[in-house]
Amino acid sequence: MGLDDRVITRAIIERYTEKLLSCLEIDVAVVGAGPSGIVAAHDLAVTKDGVPDPRKYHLEIEGNFADSHSVTPSKAVFLVVAHERPAEYLSNVTDGWLGTHAEEMDFQFKYAGDYSIVLLGKDDDADVAKDSDAKWSNSVDGTLWIPACAHFVGSDYNDIDQDKFCDPGEELPPSGYCIGDCTTAYGELGKVEAVPPSLDLETFYSGRYPIGERGGVVEEGTSDNFLAACLEDSIVHFSGHGCADGIALRFERLVGEPPNQYTQSLEWFMSSDIVAGQFGQIRVAVLGACDTMANNDSIGHKFVTVGGAQSCVGYVGHIWFEAMAWVDGYGRQDGLGFWHYLAKEQYTVQGAANKARDDYGDWFGEEQEIASGVSGIHVAPSPCSTVIYPAF
């Protein structure tokens, strides 16, 4: 058969275009593997607070090539397939075999959700291998479910009622406290240690896709995204302004000139938005804001009594931002705090809240503990024996 230059040229261009398009689904491309490229890739793989993302997990899995295949493939690939999210860049190549084979490997998981592990291969027969359709796959026993966490950063700059949170002339603190709270929590949940630690098993929570909008650390959150987290995620966390009836996800800055300045809320999530009986998958909700546990009808209590969450942590009365950040672990030089006790030292939600409160009192004294609002940390239901380990 004669060669057709047009067919060959078309095949080359189509194959190249296919490969080029497959490279577009990336966050960052580092060109060159010299010292600068390696350092850049490392720094880009770690967040500004040193939190690795994506999370890593060690798997021991078994795969089986069906006996119907005529020859042993020279190479096989374990591929982790993410459902309803972009395909993960997670694969491991191993020597070929026929029949059942066990393999240990480390995978990286960027998103929470369900994963399937698939074994890919290609027949070695020279004639068959020319056809790309000769590739085939077998499912590996079992799936992996990564539980989700979402950490919503509220604005620290303004509030509808400025006098409610500040003395006359006092400025509200920068948003760094709330971002720090959420980033610290997300980092601690990236490694949840087993019980007892001698079992050498580490699990983790991760954010749903897309990270930064729906899962992980979420700034400029919306009430719809927050409700979605409450309906789907295992851990839901808010840090910002609030009151007994709701939490303020976003605010505008001050508008106008004194004495006619005002602010306008962009997003609230109210206790009336709680869907009855639909928050049962939440292991712990943390509503880090003033008055979220002010009374039995407050939003924090309703997360449990109406929504059905397994536990909720909030505050009775006013809470300083810097004090709340210290309790959560962001402001602590020793790296401990509420989230650390939950994820690393196997505390219950009640125990972690009590420990973080007592630590604050030991460091700053009982008088400041009361003045800052830390003494008002409260957990529902009380007493609460909920734990977050193992994550899966």
Protein backbone atom coordinates (compact mmCIF):
# COMPACT_ATOMS: atom_id res chain seq x y z
CA MET A 1 0.00 0.00 0.00
CA GLY A 2 1.40 3.39 -0.94
CA LEU A 3 2.04 6.11 1.59
CA ASP A 4 -0.22 9.15 1.59
CA ASP A 5 1.60 12.26 2.80
CA ARG A 6 -1.67 13.92 3.71
CA VAL A 7 -2.75 11.06 5.96
CA ILE A 8 0.65 10.91 7.65
CA THR A 9 0.79 14.68 8.15
CA ARG A 10 -2.75 14.72 9.56
CA ALA A 11 -1.89 11.89 11.98
CA ILE A 12 1.23 13.70 13.22
CA ILE A 13 -0.62 16.97 13.76
CA GLU A 14 -3.58 15.31 15.47
CA ARG A 15 -1.32 13.31 17.81
CA TYR A 16 0.74 16.39 18.71
CA THR A 17 -2.40 18.49 19.24
CA GLU A 18 -3.86 15.80 21.48
CA LYS A 19 -0.73 15.76 23.64
CA LEU A 20 -0.59 19.57 23.75
CA LEU A 21 -4.22 19.86 24.83
CA SER A 22 -3.68 17.28 27.56
CA CYS A 23 -1.09 19.61 29.11
CA LEU A 24 -3.53 22.48 29.53
CA GLU A 25 -5.20 21.00 32.65
CA ILE A 26 -2.43 22.06 35.02
CA ASP A 27 -2.03 24.80 37.59
CA VAL A 28 1.65 25.60 36.96
CA ALA A 29 4.27 24.46 34.44
CA VAL A 30 7.94 24.63 35.44
CA VAL A 31 10.27 24.51 32.43
CA GLY A 32 13.71 23.10 33.19
CA ALA A 33 14.90 20.79 35.96
CA GLY A 34 17.92 22.75 37.10
CA PRO A 35 18.39 24.01 40.69
CA SER A 36 16.09 26.98 40.19
CA GLY A 37 13.38 24.84 38.60
CA ILE A 38 13.51 22.26 41.37
CA VAL A 39 13.32 24.92 44.10
CA ALA A 40 10.48 26.70 42.31
CA ALA A 41 8.52 23.45 41.94
CA HIS A 42 9.00 22.65 45.63
CA ASP A 43 7.91 26.10 46.79
CA LEU A 44 4.89 26.09 44.50
CA ALA A 45 3.82 22.71 45.89
CA VAL A 46 3.60 24.12 49.42
CA THR A 47 1.20 26.85 50.53
CA LYS A 48 2.35 30.07 52.13
CA ASP A 49 1.98 28.51 55.59
CA GLY A 50 3.84 25.31 54.73
CA VAL A 51 0.75 23.18 54.24
CA PRO A 52 1.35 20.47 51.60
CA ASP A 53 -1.33 20.35 48.97
CA PRO A 54 -2.29 17.84 47.66
CA ARG A 55 -2.32 15.34 50.53
CA LYS A 56 -0.33 12.11 50.29
CA TYR A 57 -1.49 8.61 51.16
CA HIS A 58 0.17 5.19 51.10
CA LEU A 59 -1.87 2.40 49.51
CA GLU A 60 -1.47 -1.36 49.49
CA ILE A 61 -3.56 -2.63 46.60
CA GLU A 62 -3.96 -5.72 44.43
CA GLY A 63 -4.67 -5.85 40.72
CA ASN A 64 -5.58 -8.68 38.36
CA PHE A 65 -5.02 -9.02 34.63
CA ALA A 66 -7.72 -11.32 33.30
CA ASP A 67 -6.45 -14.69 32.01
CA SER A 68 -8.15 -14.01 28.68
CA HIS A 69 -5.27 -11.77 27.63
CA SER A 70 -2.83 -13.72 25.52
CA VAL A 71 0.43 -12.21 26.71
CA THR A 72 1.92 -10.49 29.71
CA PRO A 73 2.20 -6.72 29.27
CA SER A 74 5.68 -5.29 29.69
CA LYS A 75 4.38 -2.41 31.80
CA ALA A 76 1.24 -1.86 33.82
CA VAL A 77 -0.07 1.34 35.34
CA PHE A 78 -2.10 1.83 38.49
CA LEU A 79 -4.30 4.88 37.91
CA VAL A 80 -6.44 6.61 40.50
CA VAL A 81 -9.61 7.90 38.88
CA ALA A 82 -11.47 10.80 40.44
CA HIS A 83 -15.23 10.93 40.02
CA GLU A 84 -16.92 14.19 39.02
CA ARG A 85 -13.64 16.12 39.22
CA PRO A 86 -10.69 16.73 36.90
CA ALA A 87 -8.59 13.63 36.32
CA GLU A 88 -5.87 13.32 38.92
CA TYR A 89 -2.22 13.11 37.91
CA LEU A 90 -1.90 10.02 40.08
CA SER A 91 -0.31 6.91 38.62
CA ASN A 92 2.40 4.40 39.28
CA VAL A 93 4.17 2.17 36.73
CA THR A 94 5.23 -1.34 37.72
CA ASP A 95 6.69 -4.38 35.96
CA GLY A 96 4.24 -6.46 33.96
CA TRP A 97 2.67 -9.72 35.13
CA LEU A 98 -0.21 -12.05 34.45
CA GLY A 99 -2.67 -12.83 37.19
CA THR A 100 -2.90 -11.24 40.63
CA HIS A 101 -0.21 -8.93 41.88
CA ALA A 102 0.14 -6.84 45.04
CA GLU A 103 1.70 -3.40 45.01
CA GLU A 104 2.51 -0.71 47.58
CA MET A 105 2.77 2.90 46.50
CA ASP A 106 2.18 6.49 47.51
CA PHE A 107 -0.49 8.56 45.81
CA GLN A 108 -1.27 12.26 46.05
CA PHE A 109 -4.88 13.34 46.40
CA LYS A 110 -5.81 16.92 45.66
CA TYR A 111 -9.57 16.73 46.22
CA ALA A 112 -12.01 15.07 48.57
CA GLY A 113 -14.53 12.56 47.24
CA ASP A 114 -14.66 9.06 45.77
CA TYR A 115 -11.77 7.45 43.91
CA SER A 116 -11.49 4.22 41.96
CA ILE A 117 -8.19 2.48 41.32
CA VAL A 118 -7.81 1.07 37.81
CA LEU A 119 -5.07 -1.16 36.42
CA LEU A 120 -4.08 -0.28 32.86
CA GLY A 121 -2.06 -2.40 30.45
CA LYS A 122 -1.24 -2.98 26.80
CA ASP A 123 -0.58 -6.27 25.01
CA ASP A 124 3.04 -6.86 24.06
CA ASP A 125 2.24 -8.51 20.76
CA ALA A 126 4.05 -6.37 18.18
CA ASP A 127 1.22 -6.44 15.66
CA VAL A 128 -1.54 -5.78 18.16
CA ALA A 129 0.39 -3.08 20.02
CA LYS A 130 0.40 -0.87 16.94
CA ASP A 131 -3.28 -0.28 17.49
CA SER A 132 -3.96 2.13 20.35
CA ASP A 133 -7.22 0.27 21.00
CA ALA A 134 -5.17 -2.67 22.25
CA LYS A 135 -4.92 -0.95 25.63
CA TRP A 136 -7.21 -2.41 28.25
CA SER A 137 -7.95 -2.06 31.96
CA ASN A 138 -9.20 -3.96 34.97
CA SER A 139 -10.77 -2.49 38.08
CA VAL A 140 -8.88 -3.01 41.30
CA ASP A 141 -10.77 -4.27 44.32
CA GLY A 142 -12.16 -1.51 46.47
CA THR A 143 -12.46 2.25 46.24
CA LEU A 144 -11.14 5.08 48.37
CA TRP A 145 -13.24 7.84 49.90
CA ILE A 146 -11.53 11.06 51.04
CA PRO A 147 -13.73 13.01 53.50
CA ALA A 148 -14.13 16.73 52.88
CA CYS A 149 -13.45 19.82 54.95
CA ALA A 150 -14.26 23.45 54.15
CA HIS A 151 -12.95 26.52 56.00
CA PHE A 152 -14.76 29.78 55.26
CA VAL A 153 -12.96 33.07 55.90
CA GLY A 154 -15.26 35.90 56.99
CA SER A 155 -14.33 39.55 56.48
CA ASP A 156 -12.80 41.29 59.50
CA TYR A 157 -13.07 44.82 58.24
CA ASN A 158 -16.63 45.99 58.78
CA ASP A 159 -19.97 45.07 60.20
CA ILE A 160 -23.50 46.42 59.89
CA ASP A 161 -23.46 47.46 63.53
CA GLN A 162 -19.94 48.74 64.10
CA ASP A 163 -20.63 49.62 67.74
CA LYS A 164 -21.59 46.02 68.50
CA PHE A 165 -18.00 44.86 68.05
CA CYS A 166 -15.86 47.98 68.65
CA ASP A 167 -15.52 50.83 71.07
CA PRO A 168 -15.96 54.33 69.55
CA GLY A 169 -12.95 55.10 67.37
CA GLU A 170 -11.58 51.53 67.54
CA GLU A 171 -10.57 49.91 64.26
CA LEU A 172 -11.44 46.34 63.41
CA PRO A 173 -8.45 44.01 63.02
CA PRO A 174 -7.13 42.87 59.62
CA SER A 175 -8.48 39.74 57.99
CA GLY A 176 -5.22 37.89 58.66
CA TYR A 177 -6.58 36.38 61.89
CA CYS A 178 -9.45 34.63 60.11
CA ILE A 179 -7.30 33.50 57.18
CA GLY A 180 -4.76 32.22 59.70
CA ASP A 181 -7.44 30.29 61.59
CA CYS A 182 -8.67 28.59 58.45
CA THR A 183 -5.24 27.86 56.99
CA THR A 184 -4.03 26.39 60.28
CA ALA A 185 -7.10 24.16 60.54
CA TYR A 186 -6.74 22.94 56.95
CA GLY A 187 -3.09 22.16 57.54
CA GLU A 188 -3.72 20.19 60.73
CA LEU A 189 -6.43 18.14 59.00
CA GLY A 190 -3.95 17.17 56.30
CA LYS A 191 -2.53 14.58 58.69
CA VAL A 192 -4.84 12.87 61.17
CA GLU A 193 -2.91 10.37 63.26
CA ALA A 194 -4.21 6.95 64.21
CA VAL A 195 -5.16 5.58 67.60
CA PRO A 196 -2.98 4.30 69.02
CA PRO A 197 -0.15 6.02 67.09
CA SER A 198 1.74 2.71 67.05
CA LEU A 199 -0.65 1.52 64.34
CA ASP A 200 1.31 3.76 61.96
CA LEU A 201 -1.83 4.76 60.08
CA GLU A 202 -2.33 8.33 58.92
CA THR A 203 -5.46 9.59 57.21
CA PHE A 204 -6.57 13.09 56.27
CA TYR A 205 -9.36 15.42 55.21
CA SER A 206 -9.18 17.46 52.03
CA GLY A 207 -11.24 20.06 50.21
CA ARG A 208 -13.84 19.46 47.53
CA TYR A 209 -13.28 20.71 44.00
CA PRO A 210 -12.66 23.52 43.26
CA ILE A 211 -10.22 24.23 46.08
CA GLY A 212 -10.54 27.82 47.28
CA GLU A 213 -14.09 28.21 45.99
CA ARG A 214 -15.90 25.16 47.33
CA GLY A 215 -13.37 23.36 49.52
CA GLY A 216 -10.17 23.91 51.47
CA VAL A 217 -9.68 27.53 52.58
CA VAL A 218 -12.51 29.55 51.03
CA GLU A 219 -12.37 33.34 50.88
CA GLU A 220 -15.26 35.38 49.52
CA GLY A 221 -17.59 32.50 50.30
CA THR A 222 -21.24 32.42 49.31
CA SER A 223 -24.24 31.20 51.26
CA ASP A 224 -24.88 28.57 48.57
CA ASN A 225 -21.34 27.17 48.88
CA PHE A 226 -21.55 27.20 52.67
CA LEU A 227 -24.86 25.34 52.57
CA ALA A 228 -23.36 22.82 50.12
CA ALA A 229 -20.52 22.21 52.59
CA CYS A 230 -23.02 21.69 55.41
CA LEU A 231 -24.93 19.16 53.30
CA GLU A 232 -21.89 17.22 52.05
CA ASP A 233 -18.73 17.71 54.13
CA SER A 234 -17.44 16.05 57.30
CA ILE A 235 -15.90 19.21 58.78
CA VAL A 236 -17.28 22.74 58.30
CA HIS A 237 -15.44 25.73 59.76
CA PHE A 238 -16.16 29.47 59.76
CA SER A 239 -14.00 32.27 61.16
CA GLY A 240 -15.30 35.83 61.16
CA HIS A 241 -18.21 37.98 62.34
CA GLY A 242 -21.45 36.53 63.57
CA CYS A 243 -24.39 36.78 65.92
CA ALA A 244 -26.88 34.41 67.51
CA ASP A 245 -28.94 34.25 64.31
CA GLY A 246 -26.23 33.83 61.69
CA ILE A 247 -22.68 34.24 60.37
CA ALA A 248 -21.45 36.92 57.96
CA LEU A 249 -19.60 35.32 55.05
CA ARG A 250 -18.79 38.62 53.29
CA PHE A 251 -19.05 42.39 53.87
CA GLU A 252 -18.53 45.54 51.89
CA ARG A 253 -16.18 48.18 53.22
CA LEU A 254 -17.48 51.33 54.86
CA VAL A 255 -19.46 53.57 52.52
CA GLY A 256 -19.89 57.32 52.81
CA GLU A 257 -18.45 59.94 55.16
CA PRO A 258 -18.91 60.31 58.94
CA PRO A 259 -21.37 60.56 60.51
CA ASN A 260 -23.29 58.87 57.70
CA GLN A 261 -21.02 55.89 57.13
CA TYR A 262 -22.60 52.48 56.78
CA THR A 263 -21.79 48.97 55.63
CA GLN A 264 -23.92 46.49 53.79
CA SER A 265 -23.75 42.74 54.14
CA LEU A 266 -23.08 40.78 50.95
CA GLU A 267 -23.61 37.25 52.30
CA TRP A 268 -25.18 35.88 55.46
CA PHE A 269 -25.92 32.32 56.43
CA MET A 270 -28.78 32.37 58.92
CA SER A 271 -30.11 29.79 61.35
CA SER A 272 -33.29 29.74 59.24
CA ASP A 273 -31.16 28.41 56.33
CA ILE A 274 -30.39 25.18 58.20
CA VAL A 275 -32.02 22.19 56.50
CA ALA A 276 -33.70 19.97 59.07
CA GLY A 277 -32.02 16.60 59.51
CA GLN A 278 -29.61 17.06 56.58
CA PHE A 279 -26.35 17.91 58.40
CA GLY A 280 -25.87 14.45 59.91
CA GLN A 281 -22.59 13.75 58.06
CA ILE A 282 -20.89 16.71 59.79
CA ARG A 283 -18.52 15.37 62.43
CA VAL A 284 -17.72 18.83 63.72
CA ALA A 285 -18.87 22.31 62.76
CA VAL A 286 -16.87 25.21 64.18
CA LEU A 287 -18.61 28.59 64.03
CA GLY A 288 -15.79 30.88 65.16
CA ALA A 289 -17.76 34.07 65.72
CA CYS A 290 -19.46 36.07 68.46
CA ASP A 291 -22.69 34.78 70.01
CA THR A 292 -23.02 31.64 67.85
CA MET A 293 -23.74 29.70 71.06
CA ALA A 294 -25.48 32.53 72.89
CA ASN A 295 -28.61 30.51 73.72
CA ASN A 296 -30.48 27.34 72.84
CA ASP A 297 -31.99 29.03 69.78
CA SER A 298 -28.67 30.29 68.41
CA ILE A 299 -27.27 29.08 65.10
CA GLY A 300 -24.65 26.85 66.73
CA HIS A 301 -27.17 24.90 68.78
CA LYS A 302 -29.48 24.58 65.77
CA PHE A 303 -26.70 22.99 63.73
CA VAL A 304 -27.11 20.07 66.15
CA THR A 305 -30.75 20.18 67.25
CA VAL A 306 -32.22 21.02 63.83
CA GLY A 307 -29.58 20.07 61.27
CA GLY A 308 -28.43 16.92 63.07
CA ALA A 309 -24.67 17.68 63.05
CA GLN A 310 -22.71 15.40 65.37
CA SER A 311 -21.12 18.39 67.15
CA CYS A 312 -20.77 22.14 66.91
CA VAL A 313 -18.34 24.55 68.57
CA GLY A 314 -19.04 28.25 69.06
CA TYR A 315 -18.90 31.07 71.57
CA VAL A 316 -21.26 32.47 74.18
CA GLY A 317 -20.84 36.23 73.87
CA HIS A 318 -18.18 38.39 72.25
CA ILE A 319 -14.82 36.92 71.19
CA TRP A 320 -11.63 38.76 70.22
CA PHE A 321 -10.30 37.78 66.81
CA GLU A 322 -6.74 37.45 68.08
CA ALA A 323 -7.91 35.28 71.00
CA MET A 324 -9.93 33.02 68.72
CA ALA A 325 -6.89 32.66 66.44
CA TRP A 326 -4.76 31.64 69.44
CA VAL A 327 -7.34 29.02 70.49
CA ASP A 328 -7.41 27.54 66.99
CA GLY A 329 -3.62 27.39 66.93
CA TYR A 330 -2.74 30.18 64.48
CA GLY A 331 -1.40 32.54 67.13
CA ARG A 332 0.45 29.92 69.19
CA GLN A 333 4.21 29.70 69.00
CA ASP A 334 4.17 26.09 70.21
CA GLY A 335 2.01 25.02 67.25
CA LEU A 336 -0.74 23.50 69.40
CA GLY A 337 -4.39 24.51 69.66
CA PHE A 338 -7.90 23.17 69.14
CA TRP A 339 -7.29 21.65 65.68
CA HIS A 340 -3.98 20.11 66.73
CA TYR A 341 -5.57 18.36 69.70
CA LEU A 342 -8.32 16.99 67.45
CA ALA A 343 -6.06 15.76 64.65
CA LYS A 344 -2.80 14.83 66.38
CA GLU A 345 -3.58 13.93 70.00
CA GLN A 346 -6.90 12.09 69.64
CA TYR A 347 -8.99 14.46 71.78
CA THR A 348 -12.77 14.51 71.58
CA VAL A 349 -14.32 17.74 70.31
CA GLN A 350 -15.31 18.58 73.87
CA GLY A 351 -11.84 17.75 75.19
CA ALA A 352 -10.06 19.79 72.51
CA ALA A 353 -12.22 22.84 73.19
CA ASN A 354 -11.67 22.56 76.96
CA LYS A 355 -7.92 22.07 76.51
CA ALA A 356 -7.56 25.08 74.18
CA ARG A 357 -9.58 27.25 76.59
CA ASP A 358 -7.51 26.16 79.60
CA ASP A 359 -4.26 26.75 77.69
CA TYR A 360 -5.33 30.32 76.99
CA GLY A 361 -6.12 30.90 80.66
CA ASP A 362 -2.75 29.46 81.71
CA TRP A 363 -0.89 31.77 79.31
CA PHE A 364 -2.83 35.01 79.73
CA GLY A 365 -4.65 34.68 83.04
CA GLU A 366 -8.26 34.19 84.03
CA GLU A 367 -9.11 37.89 83.74
CA GLN A 368 -8.10 38.07 80.07
CA GLU A 369 -9.68 34.70 79.40
CA ILE A 370 -13.02 36.18 80.44
CA ALA A 371 -12.47 39.57 78.76
CA SER A 372 -11.44 38.03 75.43
CA GLY A 373 -14.46 35.72 75.31
CA VAL A 374 -12.37 32.53 75.32
CA SER A 375 -14.07 31.42 78.52
CA GLY A 376 -17.31 31.36 76.53
CA ILE A 377 -16.26 28.58 74.17
CA HIS A 378 -19.07 26.04 74.11
CA VAL A 379 -19.73 22.65 72.50
CA ALA A 380 -23.08 21.13 71.60
CA PRO A 381 -24.22 18.60 72.50
CA SER A 382 -22.70 18.72 75.95
CA PRO A 383 -20.97 16.56 76.95
CA CYS A 384 -19.70 15.67 73.45
CA SER A 385 -17.68 12.53 72.71
CA THR A 386 -17.30 13.07 68.92
CA VAL A 387 -13.82 12.47 67.44
CA ILE A 388 -12.48 13.10 63.93
CA TYR A 389 -10.02 10.19 63.72
CA PRO A 390 -9.49 8.22 61.65
CA ALA A 391 -10.63 10.38 58.77
CA PHE A 392 -11.34 7.24 56.66
